[in-house]
Amino acid sequence: MAGFRHSSDFESAGTRCDAWLFRPTRGEDPPVVVMAHGLAGEKPWRLPALARRFARRGLAVLLFDYRGFGDSDGDPRYLVDVQRQVEDWDAAVEHAESLDSVGDQVALWGTSLSAGHAVTVAARRDVDALALQIPFLDGRAQATLRIKQGGPGWALRAGLAGLRDRFRTATFRGPNYVPVVADPGEFAALDSPGAKVGYEAIVPDADWPNRVAARVFLQVPFYRPISAADEVECPTLVIEAEEDEVVPSGPVDDLVETLPDVERVRYEMGHFDAYLQPAFDRVVERQADFLARHLGTTAEPERPEGPPEREPSVVDHRHA
């Protein structure tokens, strides 16, 4: 069985963050993996399926929504503020460490933007393992890629939208929202080829709001989790998409060169494919294997039925 789930809310800066705790059905004091979604994502969006897989391997999972997203409290809604979200991660880790129903070992799991948050938190906290999926690591490199894809006109429009959002906030009005995703040629936080189709494939609700406060354009270029990587000491797994259309690969090279104990696995897939079949099975089992190995759980893997797993195109291991 995959384990069970119950509410496990916590406060971040005095605001309630909605969280689910997944526990394995067997064993006492399981290690816990703290998990949250990427840009403007919410916890029901394919992450419970991953959490249940981890529970099969004897791992507890604390999956939470950021303030202003999903079922969490907080205003303004749909605000991606990297400092605020890192504070939520810190609060989530502290909450996980306080739980009587889990053990002392804590790992972090992040995807895309939240992978950057996980690196930032792991650099200043004593955690036992770090799993990064299609990671955002360097806002400067990200901005360069976005301008290459959208041209100077996109950059100008993004900057003006962000400034308008800041002005509205300064004059006590609501945020200036822009779409999270759109097709190429339209304007959004993510409008690279395949982004709209890929993002919407993981959203269970066809009527989701698809909006984010535009000040994200002013923050993300200056957010560089890679700069903290030399402070990360725990074993780290990096899952990379060879055909990633959203985040650049150069910062992953830098991360792998910096970390003392790292496994890098590349799959022939796009940025959003890791959440979906057929890539999901092989990616999640690779992550579960890594976490179980480093956190010391003994539950045997439950391999999905079907054709044999495709091997990743590249697997790198580097240890101090």
C-alpha atoms as a PDB file:
ATOM      1  CA  MET A   1       0.000   0.000   0.000  1.00  0.00           C
ATOM      2  CA  ALA A   2       1.105   3.572  -0.677  1.00  0.00           C
ATOM      3  CA  GLY A   3       0.514   4.885   2.830  1.00  0.00           C
ATOM      4  CA  PHE A   4      -1.932   7.458   4.055  1.00  0.00           C
ATOM      5  CA  ARG A   5      -2.296  11.229   3.921  1.00  0.00           C
ATOM      6  CA  HIS A   6      -3.533  13.734   6.439  1.00  0.00           C
ATOM      7  CA  SER A   7      -3.415  17.497   6.901  1.00  0.00           C
ATOM      8  CA  SER A   8      -0.315  18.906   8.551  1.00  0.00           C
ATOM      9  CA  ASP A   9      -0.556  22.683   8.251  1.00  0.00           C
ATOM     10  CA  PHE A  10       2.078  25.044   9.616  1.00  0.00           C
ATOM     11  CA  GLU A  11       2.685  28.774   9.869  1.00  0.00           C
ATOM     12  CA  SER A  12       5.161  30.821   7.885  1.00  0.00           C
ATOM     13  CA  ALA A  13       5.620  34.394   9.126  1.00  0.00           C
ATOM     14  CA  GLY A  14       2.272  34.107  10.900  1.00  0.00           C
ATOM     15  CA  THR A  15       0.357  32.849   7.850  1.00  0.00           C
ATOM     16  CA  ARG A  16      -1.020  29.331   7.495  1.00  0.00           C
ATOM     17  CA  CYS A  17       0.522  27.130   4.820  1.00  0.00           C
ATOM     18  CA  ASP A  18      -1.653  24.200   3.799  1.00  0.00           C
ATOM     19  CA  ALA A  19       0.284  20.938   3.839  1.00  0.00           C
ATOM     20  CA  TRP A  20      -0.276  17.213   3.469  1.00  0.00           C
ATOM     21  CA  LEU A  21       1.770  14.599   5.274  1.00  0.00           C
ATOM     22  CA  PHE A  22       2.078  11.250   3.504  1.00  0.00           C
ATOM     23  CA  ARG A  23       3.260   8.399   5.724  1.00  0.00           C
ATOM     24  CA  PRO A  24       4.179   4.824   4.881  1.00  0.00           C
ATOM     25  CA  THR A  25       1.809   2.201   6.245  1.00  0.00           C
ATOM     26  CA  ARG A  26       4.644   0.284   7.861  1.00  0.00           C
ATOM     27  CA  GLY A  27       7.582   1.192  10.012  1.00  0.00           C
ATOM     28  CA  GLU A  28       8.136   3.746  12.725  1.00  0.00           C
ATOM     29  CA  ASP A  29       9.863   7.124  12.552  1.00  0.00           C
ATOM     30  CA  PRO A  30      10.304   7.237   8.758  1.00  0.00           C
ATOM     31  CA  PRO A  31      12.596   9.812   7.160  1.00  0.00           C
ATOM     32  CA  VAL A  32      10.668  12.781   5.777  1.00  0.00           C
ATOM     33  CA  VAL A  33      10.998  14.474   2.386  1.00  0.00           C
ATOM     34  CA  VAL A  34       9.893  18.127   2.223  1.00  0.00           C
ATOM     35  CA  MET A  35       8.379  18.956  -1.166  1.00  0.00           C
ATOM     36  CA  ALA A  36       6.748  21.883  -3.001  1.00  0.00           C
ATOM     37  CA  HIS A  37       5.952  22.766  -6.603  1.00  0.00           C
ATOM     38  CA  GLY A  38       7.649  25.031  -9.115  1.00  0.00           C
ATOM     39  CA  LEU A  39       6.585  28.359 -10.639  1.00  0.00           C
ATOM     40  CA  ALA A  40       2.972  29.128  -9.613  1.00  0.00           C
ATOM     41  CA  GLY A  41       2.344  25.415  -9.033  1.00  0.00           C
ATOM     42  CA  GLU A  42       0.064  23.914  -6.398  1.00  0.00           C
ATOM     43  CA  LYS A  43       0.433  20.706  -4.455  1.00  0.00           C
ATOM     44  CA  PRO A  44      -2.347  18.626  -6.143  1.00  0.00           C
ATOM     45  CA  TRP A  45      -0.655  19.005  -9.526  1.00  0.00           C
ATOM     46  CA  ARG A  46       0.900  15.542  -9.977  1.00  0.00           C
ATOM     47  CA  LEU A  47       2.954  15.714  -6.787  1.00  0.00           C
ATOM     48  CA  PRO A  48       0.669  13.456  -4.691  1.00  0.00           C
ATOM     49  CA  ALA A  49       1.375  10.634  -7.153  1.00  0.00           C
ATOM     50  CA  LEU A  50       5.071  11.101  -6.524  1.00  0.00           C
ATOM     51  CA  ALA A  51       4.589  11.348  -2.754  1.00  0.00           C
ATOM     52  CA  ARG A  52       2.663   8.068  -2.722  1.00  0.00           C
ATOM     53  CA  ARG A  53       5.503   6.366  -4.613  1.00  0.00           C
ATOM     54  CA  PHE A  54       7.945   7.626  -2.014  1.00  0.00           C
ATOM     55  CA  ALA A  55       5.684   6.333   0.774  1.00  0.00           C
ATOM     56  CA  ARG A  56       5.884   2.863  -0.792  1.00  0.00           C
ATOM     57  CA  ARG A  57       9.608   3.047  -0.205  1.00  0.00           C
ATOM     58  CA  GLY A  58       9.254   3.851   3.488  1.00  0.00           C
ATOM     59  CA  LEU A  59       9.550   7.636   3.132  1.00  0.00           C
ATOM     60  CA  ALA A  60       7.212  10.200   4.651  1.00  0.00           C
ATOM     61  CA  VAL A  61       6.527  13.301   2.537  1.00  0.00           C
ATOM     62  CA  LEU A  62       5.494  16.782   3.674  1.00  0.00           C
ATOM     63  CA  LEU A  63       3.958  18.441   0.604  1.00  0.00           C
ATOM     64  CA  PHE A  64       2.935  22.083   0.997  1.00  0.00           C
ATOM     65  CA  ASP A  65       1.507  25.081  -0.828  1.00  0.00           C
ATOM     66  CA  TYR A  66       3.240  28.451  -0.652  1.00  0.00           C
ATOM     67  CA  ARG A  67       1.508  31.392   0.949  1.00  0.00           C
ATOM     68  CA  GLY A  68      -0.928  32.867  -1.559  1.00  0.00           C
ATOM     69  CA  PHE A  69      -1.324  29.627  -3.520  1.00  0.00           C
ATOM     70  CA  GLY A  70      -3.684  26.676  -3.396  1.00  0.00           C
ATOM     71  CA  ASP A  71      -5.373  26.193  -0.039  1.00  0.00           C
ATOM     72  CA  SER A  72      -2.806  28.228   1.872  1.00  0.00           C
ATOM     73  CA  ASP A  73      -3.737  31.591   3.324  1.00  0.00           C
ATOM     74  CA  GLY A  74      -1.973  34.783   2.400  1.00  0.00           C
ATOM     75  CA  ASP A  75      -2.342  37.834   0.186  1.00  0.00           C
ATOM     76  CA  PRO A  76      -1.794  38.896  -2.453  1.00  0.00           C
ATOM     77  CA  ARG A  77      -2.756  35.723  -4.245  1.00  0.00           C
ATOM     78  CA  TYR A  78      -0.542  34.251  -6.979  1.00  0.00           C
ATOM     79  CA  LEU A  79       2.532  36.185  -5.909  1.00  0.00           C
ATOM     80  CA  VAL A  80       5.829  34.439  -6.672  1.00  0.00           C
ATOM     81  CA  ASP A  81       8.266  36.176  -4.345  1.00  0.00           C
ATOM     82  CA  VAL A  82      11.430  34.100  -4.096  1.00  0.00           C
ATOM     83  CA  GLN A  83      12.445  35.364  -0.660  1.00  0.00           C
ATOM     84  CA  ARG A  84       8.961  34.709   0.691  1.00  0.00           C
ATOM     85  CA  GLN A  85       8.890  31.232  -0.814  1.00  0.00           C
ATOM     86  CA  VAL A  86      12.281  30.374   0.672  1.00  0.00           C
ATOM     87  CA  GLU A  87      10.876  31.479   4.037  1.00  0.00           C
ATOM     88  CA  ASP A  88       8.018  29.021   3.465  1.00  0.00           C
ATOM     89  CA  TRP A  89      10.569  26.279   2.794  1.00  0.00           C
ATOM     90  CA  ASP A  90      12.395  27.113   6.018  1.00  0.00           C
ATOM     91  CA  ALA A  91       9.117  26.983   7.943  1.00  0.00           C
ATOM     92  CA  ALA A  92       8.209  23.667   6.298  1.00  0.00           C
ATOM     93  CA  VAL A  93      11.545  22.109   7.273  1.00  0.00           C
ATOM     94  CA  GLU A  94      11.166  23.322  10.850  1.00  0.00           C
ATOM     95  CA  HIS A  95       7.650  21.881  10.927  1.00  0.00           C
ATOM     96  CA  ALA A  96       8.863  18.545   9.570  1.00  0.00           C
ATOM     97  CA  GLU A  97      11.590  18.424  12.207  1.00  0.00           C
ATOM     98  CA  SER A  98       9.003  19.011  14.939  1.00  0.00           C
ATOM     99  CA  LEU A  99       6.673  16.160  13.947  1.00  0.00           C
ATOM    100  CA  ASP A 100       6.481  13.234  16.351  1.00  0.00           C
ATOM    101  CA  SER A 101       5.259  10.877  13.624  1.00  0.00           C
ATOM    102  CA  VAL A 102       8.462  10.996  11.552  1.00  0.00           C
ATOM    103  CA  GLY A 103      12.129  10.416  12.211  1.00  0.00           C
ATOM    104  CA  ASP A 104      15.056  12.802  12.454  1.00  0.00           C
ATOM    105  CA  GLN A 105      16.280  12.508   8.870  1.00  0.00           C
ATOM    106  CA  VAL A 106      15.097  15.217   6.466  1.00  0.00           C
ATOM    107  CA  ALA A 107      15.533  15.449   2.696  1.00  0.00           C
ATOM    108  CA  LEU A 108      14.436  18.173   0.289  1.00  0.00           C
ATOM    109  CA  TRP A 109      12.810  17.599  -3.109  1.00  0.00           C
ATOM    110  CA  GLY A 110      12.334  20.465  -5.553  1.00  0.00           C
ATOM    111  CA  THR A 111      11.305  20.841  -9.164  1.00  0.00           C
ATOM    112  CA  SER A 112      12.111  23.701 -11.547  1.00  0.00           C
ATOM    113  CA  LEU A 113      11.955  26.928  -9.481  1.00  0.00           C
ATOM    114  CA  SER A 114      11.456  25.024  -6.229  1.00  0.00           C
ATOM    115  CA  ALA A 115      14.638  23.064  -6.946  1.00  0.00           C
ATOM    116  CA  GLY A 116      16.432  26.387  -6.663  1.00  0.00           C
ATOM    117  CA  HIS A 117      14.689  27.011  -3.349  1.00  0.00           C
ATOM    118  CA  ALA A 118      15.762  23.563  -2.158  1.00  0.00           C
ATOM    119  CA  VAL A 119      19.403  24.352  -2.992  1.00  0.00           C
ATOM    120  CA  THR A 120      19.147  27.673  -1.150  1.00  0.00           C
ATOM    121  CA  VAL A 121      17.731  26.001   1.961  1.00  0.00           C
ATOM    122  CA  ALA A 122      20.123  23.034   1.854  1.00  0.00           C
ATOM    123  CA  ALA A 123      23.056  25.456   1.750  1.00  0.00           C
ATOM    124  CA  ARG A 124      22.206  26.798   5.200  1.00  0.00           C
ATOM    125  CA  ARG A 125      20.516  23.834   6.889  1.00  0.00           C
ATOM    126  CA  ASP A 126      21.720  20.423   7.947  1.00  0.00           C
ATOM    127  CA  VAL A 127      19.688  18.147   5.671  1.00  0.00           C
ATOM    128  CA  ASP A 128      20.436  14.552   4.774  1.00  0.00           C
ATOM    129  CA  ALA A 129      19.758  14.458   1.025  1.00  0.00           C
ATOM    130  CA  LEU A 130      18.669  16.685  -1.833  1.00  0.00           C
ATOM    131  CA  ALA A 131      16.705  15.655  -4.941  1.00  0.00           C
ATOM    132  CA  LEU A 132      16.460  18.193  -7.764  1.00  0.00           C
ATOM    133  CA  GLN A 133      14.247  17.749 -10.812  1.00  0.00           C
ATOM    134  CA  ILE A 134      14.698  19.899 -13.952  1.00  0.00           C
ATOM    135  CA  PRO A 135      16.255  22.555 -11.717  1.00  0.00           C
ATOM    136  CA  PHE A 136      16.176  26.330 -12.036  1.00  0.00           C
ATOM    137  CA  LEU A 137      19.546  27.428 -10.669  1.00  0.00           C
ATOM    138  CA  ASP A 138      20.548  30.788 -12.151  1.00  0.00           C
ATOM    139  CA  GLY A 139      18.219  33.692 -12.894  1.00  0.00           C
ATOM    140  CA  ARG A 140      20.855  35.422 -14.985  1.00  0.00           C
ATOM    141  CA  ALA A 141      21.149  32.441 -17.326  1.00  0.00           C
ATOM    142  CA  GLN A 142      17.374  32.080 -17.282  1.00  0.00           C
ATOM    143  CA  ALA A 143      16.886  35.705 -18.352  1.00  0.00           C
ATOM    144  CA  THR A 144      19.398  35.255 -21.165  1.00  0.00           C
ATOM    145  CA  LEU A 145      17.476  32.241 -22.450  1.00  0.00           C
ATOM    146  CA  ARG A 146      14.123  34.035 -22.237  1.00  0.00           C
ATOM    147  CA  ILE A 147      15.416  37.050 -24.153  1.00  0.00           C
ATOM    148  CA  LYS A 148      16.886  34.735 -26.784  1.00  0.00           C
ATOM    149  CA  GLN A 149      13.500  33.046 -27.153  1.00  0.00           C
ATOM    150  CA  GLY A 150      11.306  36.151 -26.985  1.00  0.00           C
ATOM    151  CA  GLY A 151      13.594  38.895 -28.223  1.00  0.00           C
ATOM    152  CA  PRO A 152      14.221  42.389 -26.819  1.00  0.00           C
ATOM    153  CA  GLY A 153      10.522  43.180 -27.190  1.00  0.00           C
ATOM    154  CA  TRP A 154       9.639  40.448 -24.725  1.00  0.00           C
ATOM    155  CA  ALA A 155      12.212  41.741 -22.239  1.00  0.00           C
ATOM    156  CA  LEU A 156      10.854  45.291 -22.492  1.00  0.00           C
ATOM    157  CA  ARG A 157       7.289  44.138 -22.023  1.00  0.00           C
ATOM    158  CA  ALA A 158       8.262  41.985 -19.038  1.00  0.00           C
ATOM    159  CA  GLY A 159      10.122  44.849 -17.392  1.00  0.00           C
ATOM    160  CA  LEU A 160       7.232  47.265 -17.862  1.00  0.00           C
ATOM    161  CA  ALA A 161       4.728  44.733 -16.544  1.00  0.00           C
ATOM    162  CA  GLY A 162       6.860  44.198 -13.455  1.00  0.00           C
ATOM    163  CA  LEU A 163       7.238  47.927 -12.832  1.00  0.00           C
ATOM    164  CA  ARG A 164       3.509  48.412 -13.194  1.00  0.00           C
ATOM    165  CA  ASP A 165       2.951  45.693 -10.616  1.00  0.00           C
ATOM    166  CA  ARG A 166       5.361  47.396  -8.220  1.00  0.00           C
ATOM    167  CA  PHE A 167       3.633  50.754  -8.764  1.00  0.00           C
ATOM    168  CA  ARG A 168       0.218  49.283  -8.080  1.00  0.00           C
ATOM    169  CA  THR A 169       1.515  47.784  -4.854  1.00  0.00           C
ATOM    170  CA  ALA A 170       3.052  51.099  -3.798  1.00  0.00           C
ATOM    171  CA  THR A 171      -0.305  52.808  -4.380  1.00  0.00           C
ATOM    172  CA  PHE A 172      -2.233  50.184  -2.373  1.00  0.00           C
ATOM    173  CA  ARG A 173      -3.884  48.504  -5.318  1.00  0.00           C
ATOM    174  CA  GLY A 174      -3.993  44.872  -6.336  1.00  0.00           C
ATOM    175  CA  PRO A 175      -1.214  43.228  -8.347  1.00  0.00           C
ATOM    176  CA  ASN A 176      -0.759  43.549 -12.077  1.00  0.00           C
ATOM    177  CA  TYR A 177      -1.238  39.963 -13.195  1.00  0.00           C
ATOM    178  CA  VAL A 178       0.125  38.288 -16.314  1.00  0.00           C
ATOM    179  CA  PRO A 179      -0.492  34.730 -17.564  1.00  0.00           C
ATOM    180  CA  VAL A 180       1.725  32.010 -16.154  1.00  0.00           C
ATOM    181  CA  VAL A 181       1.833  30.184 -19.499  1.00  0.00           C
ATOM    182  CA  ALA A 182       0.944  30.992 -23.088  1.00  0.00           C
ATOM    183  CA  ASP A 183       1.785  29.851 -26.592  1.00  0.00           C
ATOM    184  CA  PRO A 184       4.911  31.217 -28.316  1.00  0.00           C
ATOM    185  CA  GLY A 185       4.258  34.698 -29.656  1.00  0.00           C
ATOM    186  CA  GLU A 186       1.890  35.502 -26.822  1.00  0.00           C
ATOM    187  CA  PHE A 187       3.060  37.067 -23.566  1.00  0.00           C
ATOM    188  CA  ALA A 188       3.427  35.145 -20.307  1.00  0.00           C
ATOM    189  CA  ALA A 189       5.925  34.200 -17.640  1.00  0.00           C
ATOM    190  CA  LEU A 190       6.426  30.972 -19.623  1.00  0.00           C
ATOM    191  CA  ASP A 191       5.788  31.181 -23.351  1.00  0.00           C
ATOM    192  CA  SER A 192       8.594  29.043 -24.732  1.00  0.00           C
ATOM    193  CA  PRO A 193       7.770  26.273 -27.226  1.00  0.00           C
ATOM    194  CA  GLY A 194       5.781  23.518 -25.560  1.00  0.00           C
ATOM    195  CA  ALA A 195       5.414  25.332 -22.232  1.00  0.00           C
ATOM    196  CA  LYS A 196       1.650  25.885 -22.404  1.00  0.00           C
ATOM    197  CA  VAL A 197       0.838  22.328 -23.444  1.00  0.00           C
ATOM    198  CA  GLY A 198       3.265  20.866 -20.910  1.00  0.00           C
ATOM    199  CA  TYR A 199       2.175  23.038 -17.998  1.00  0.00           C
ATOM    200  CA  GLU A 200      -1.536  22.555 -18.576  1.00  0.00           C
ATOM    201  CA  ALA A 201      -1.024  18.788 -18.814  1.00  0.00           C
ATOM    202  CA  ILE A 202      -0.149  18.682 -15.107  1.00  0.00           C
ATOM    203  CA  VAL A 203      -3.036  20.912 -13.971  1.00  0.00           C
ATOM    204  CA  PRO A 204      -6.104  18.841 -13.021  1.00  0.00           C
ATOM    205  CA  ASP A 205      -8.519  21.788 -13.165  1.00  0.00           C
ATOM    206  CA  ALA A 206      -9.236  23.176 -16.629  1.00  0.00           C
ATOM    207  CA  ASP A 207     -10.457  26.429 -15.029  1.00  0.00           C
ATOM    208  CA  TRP A 208      -7.275  27.207 -13.107  1.00  0.00           C
ATOM    209  CA  PRO A 209      -6.596  30.973 -12.946  1.00  0.00           C
ATOM    210  CA  ASN A 210      -3.353  30.993 -15.033  1.00  0.00           C
ATOM    211  CA  ARG A 211      -2.016  34.201 -13.556  1.00  0.00           C
ATOM    212  CA  VAL A 212       0.932  35.412 -11.557  1.00  0.00           C
ATOM    213  CA  ALA A 213       1.924  38.836 -10.230  1.00  0.00           C
ATOM    214  CA  ALA A 214       4.186  40.463 -12.816  1.00  0.00           C
ATOM    215  CA  ARG A 215       6.865  41.494 -10.310  1.00  0.00           C
ATOM    216  CA  VAL A 216       8.236  37.974 -10.825  1.00  0.00           C
ATOM    217  CA  PHE A 217       9.978  39.406 -13.913  1.00  0.00           C
ATOM    218  CA  LEU A 218      11.934  41.802 -11.685  1.00  0.00           C
ATOM    219  CA  GLN A 219      12.986  39.180  -9.150  1.00  0.00           C
ATOM    220  CA  VAL A 220      13.864  36.020 -11.000  1.00  0.00           C
ATOM    221  CA  PRO A 221      16.805  37.427 -13.040  1.00  0.00           C
ATOM    222  CA  PHE A 222      18.560  38.261  -9.766  1.00  0.00           C
ATOM    223  CA  TYR A 223      17.821  34.964  -8.033  1.00  0.00           C
ATOM    224  CA  ARG A 224      20.883  32.728  -8.269  1.00  0.00           C
ATOM    225  CA  PRO A 225      20.688  29.607  -6.097  1.00  0.00           C
ATOM    226  CA  ILE A 226      23.845  28.373  -7.832  1.00  0.00           C
ATOM    227  CA  SER A 227      25.795  30.976  -5.840  1.00  0.00           C
ATOM    228  CA  ALA A 228      25.027  29.045  -2.633  1.00  0.00           C
ATOM    229  CA  ALA A 229      25.896  25.617  -4.038  1.00  0.00           C
ATOM    230  CA  ASP A 230      29.359  25.496  -2.497  1.00  0.00           C
ATOM    231  CA  GLU A 231      27.669  25.409   0.926  1.00  0.00           C
ATOM    232  CA  VAL A 232      25.660  22.264   0.117  1.00  0.00           C
ATOM    233  CA  GLU A 233      27.246  19.222   1.750  1.00  0.00           C
ATOM    234  CA  CYS A 234      24.574  16.514   1.511  1.00  0.00           C
ATOM    235  CA  PRO A 235      24.292  13.869  -1.242  1.00  0.00           C
ATOM    236  CA  THR A 236      22.420  15.327  -4.211  1.00  0.00           C
ATOM    237  CA  LEU A 237      20.563  13.852  -7.173  1.00  0.00           C
ATOM    238  CA  VAL A 238      19.957  15.993 -10.257  1.00  0.00           C
ATOM    239  CA  ILE A 239      17.394  14.875 -12.838  1.00  0.00           C
ATOM    240  CA  GLU A 240      17.891  16.779 -16.089  1.00  0.00           C
ATOM    241  CA  ALA A 241      15.799  16.928 -19.264  1.00  0.00           C
ATOM    242  CA  GLU A 242      17.919  16.845 -22.418  1.00  0.00           C
ATOM    243  CA  GLU A 243      15.195  18.629 -24.387  1.00  0.00           C
ATOM    244  CA  ASP A 244      14.387  21.207 -21.708  1.00  0.00           C
ATOM    245  CA  GLU A 245      12.783  24.247 -23.305  1.00  0.00           C
ATOM    246  CA  VAL A 246      12.357  26.192 -20.054  1.00  0.00           C
ATOM    247  CA  VAL A 247      15.584  26.143 -18.002  1.00  0.00           C
ATOM    248  CA  PRO A 248      19.150  26.268 -19.378  1.00  0.00           C
ATOM    249  CA  SER A 249      21.582  23.416 -18.796  1.00  0.00           C
ATOM    250  CA  GLY A 250      24.728  25.478 -18.171  1.00  0.00           C
ATOM    251  CA  PRO A 251      23.975  26.090 -14.483  1.00  0.00           C
ATOM    252  CA  VAL A 252      23.502  22.343 -13.985  1.00  0.00           C
ATOM    253  CA  ASP A 253      27.069  21.849 -15.250  1.00  0.00           C
ATOM    254  CA  ASP A 254      28.230  24.408 -12.686  1.00  0.00           C
ATOM    255  CA  LEU A 255      26.275  22.715  -9.905  1.00  0.00           C
ATOM    256  CA  VAL A 256      27.710  19.284 -10.660  1.00  0.00           C
ATOM    257  CA  GLU A 257      31.232  20.701 -10.672  1.00  0.00           C
ATOM    258  CA  THR A 258      30.630  22.359  -7.303  1.00  0.00           C
ATOM    259  CA  LEU A 259      28.909  19.694  -5.214  1.00  0.00           C
ATOM    260  CA  PRO A 260      31.044  17.143  -3.351  1.00  0.00           C
ATOM    261  CA  ASP A 261      28.602  14.220  -3.647  1.00  0.00           C
ATOM    262  CA  VAL A 262      26.326  14.331  -6.671  1.00  0.00           C
ATOM    263  CA  GLU A 263      24.554  12.089  -9.155  1.00  0.00           C
ATOM    264  CA  ARG A 264      23.405  13.618 -12.432  1.00  0.00           C
ATOM    265  CA  VAL A 265      20.922  11.747 -14.589  1.00  0.00           C
ATOM    266  CA  ARG A 266      19.802  12.986 -18.009  1.00  0.00           C
ATOM    267  CA  TYR A 267      16.695  11.703 -19.728  1.00  0.00           C
ATOM    268  CA  GLU A 268      15.520  12.268 -23.279  1.00  0.00           C
ATOM    269  CA  MET A 269      12.496  14.359 -22.347  1.00  0.00           C
ATOM    270  CA  GLY A 270      11.190  17.917 -22.134  1.00  0.00           C
ATOM    271  CA  HIS A 271      10.788  20.120 -19.083  1.00  0.00           C
ATOM    272  CA  PHE A 272       7.290  18.933 -18.155  1.00  0.00           C
ATOM    273  CA  ASP A 273       7.627  15.281 -19.168  1.00  0.00           C
ATOM    274  CA  ALA A 274       8.969  14.209 -15.770  1.00  0.00           C
ATOM    275  CA  TYR A 275       5.477  14.676 -14.299  1.00  0.00           C
ATOM    276  CA  LEU A 276       3.776  12.496 -16.902  1.00  0.00           C
ATOM    277  CA  GLN A 277       3.943   8.984 -18.305  1.00  0.00           C
ATOM    278  CA  PRO A 278       5.995   7.357 -19.634  1.00  0.00           C
ATOM    279  CA  ALA A 279       8.843   9.408 -18.136  1.00  0.00           C
ATOM    280  CA  PHE A 280       7.226   9.675 -14.700  1.00  0.00           C
ATOM    281  CA  ASP A 281       7.767   6.036 -13.731  1.00  0.00           C
ATOM    282  CA  ARG A 282      11.467   5.932 -14.454  1.00  0.00           C
ATOM    283  CA  VAL A 283      12.159   9.385 -12.999  1.00  0.00           C
ATOM    284  CA  VAL A 284      10.294   8.805  -9.741  1.00  0.00           C
ATOM    285  CA  GLU A 285      11.854   5.385  -9.204  1.00  0.00           C
ATOM    286  CA  ARG A 286      15.312   6.844  -9.740  1.00  0.00           C
ATOM    287  CA  GLN A 287      14.543   9.503  -7.136  1.00  0.00           C
ATOM    288  CA  ALA A 288      13.022   6.987  -4.713  1.00  0.00           C
ATOM    289  CA  ASP A 289      16.067   4.722  -5.076  1.00  0.00           C
ATOM    290  CA  PHE A 290      18.388   7.628  -4.314  1.00  0.00           C
ATOM    291  CA  LEU A 291      16.437   8.861  -1.297  1.00  0.00           C
ATOM    292  CA  ALA A 292      15.906   5.382   0.140  1.00  0.00           C
ATOM    293  CA  ARG A 293      19.612   4.633  -0.228  1.00  0.00           C
ATOM    294  CA  HIS A 294      20.770   7.796   1.522  1.00  0.00           C
ATOM    295  CA  LEU A 295      18.039   7.888   4.155  1.00  0.00           C
ATOM    296  CA  GLY A 296      18.375   4.213   5.004  1.00  0.00           C
ATOM    297  CA  THR A 297      14.882   2.875   4.340  1.00  0.00           C
ATOM    298  CA  THR A 298      14.537  -0.828   3.615  1.00  0.00           C
ATOM    299  CA  ALA A 299      11.225  -1.110   1.735  1.00  0.00           C
ATOM    300  CA  GLU A 300      11.648  -2.828  -1.617  1.00  0.00           C
ATOM    301  CA  PRO A 301      10.784  -0.871  -4.780  1.00  0.00           C
ATOM    302  CA  GLU A 302       7.450  -1.605  -6.430  1.00  0.00           C
ATOM    303  CA  ARG A 303       8.283  -1.419 -10.103  1.00  0.00           C
ATOM    304  CA  PRO A 304       5.373  -0.448 -12.368  1.00  0.00           C
ATOM    305  CA  GLU A 305       4.041  -3.053 -14.750  1.00  0.00           C
ATOM    306  CA  GLY A 306       4.710  -2.557 -18.435  1.00  0.00           C
ATOM    307  CA  PRO A 307       7.671  -2.473 -20.823  1.00  0.00           C
ATOM    308  CA  PRO A 308      11.209  -2.394 -19.411  1.00  0.00           C
ATOM    309  CA  GLU A 309      12.429   0.960 -18.188  1.00  0.00           C
ATOM    310  CA  ARG A 310      14.447   2.946 -20.721  1.00  0.00           C
ATOM    311  CA  GLU A 311      17.910   3.690 -19.503  1.00  0.00           C
ATOM    312  CA  PRO A 312      18.831   7.352 -19.107  1.00  0.00           C
ATOM    313  CA  SER A 313      21.086   8.707 -21.815  1.00  0.00           C
ATOM    314  CA  VAL A 314      23.740   9.892 -19.354  1.00  0.00           C
ATOM    315  CA  VAL A 315      24.454   9.003 -15.751  1.00  0.00           C
ATOM    316  CA  ASP A 316      27.250  10.795 -13.890  1.00  0.00           C
ATOM    317  CA  HIS A 317      28.421  10.081 -10.358  1.00  0.00           C
ATOM    318  CA  ARG A 318      30.911  12.216  -8.495  1.00  0.00           C
ATOM    319  CA  HIS A 319      31.868  11.830  -4.853  1.00  0.00           C
ATOM    320  CA  ALA A 320      34.336  13.604  -2.662  1.00  0.00           C
END
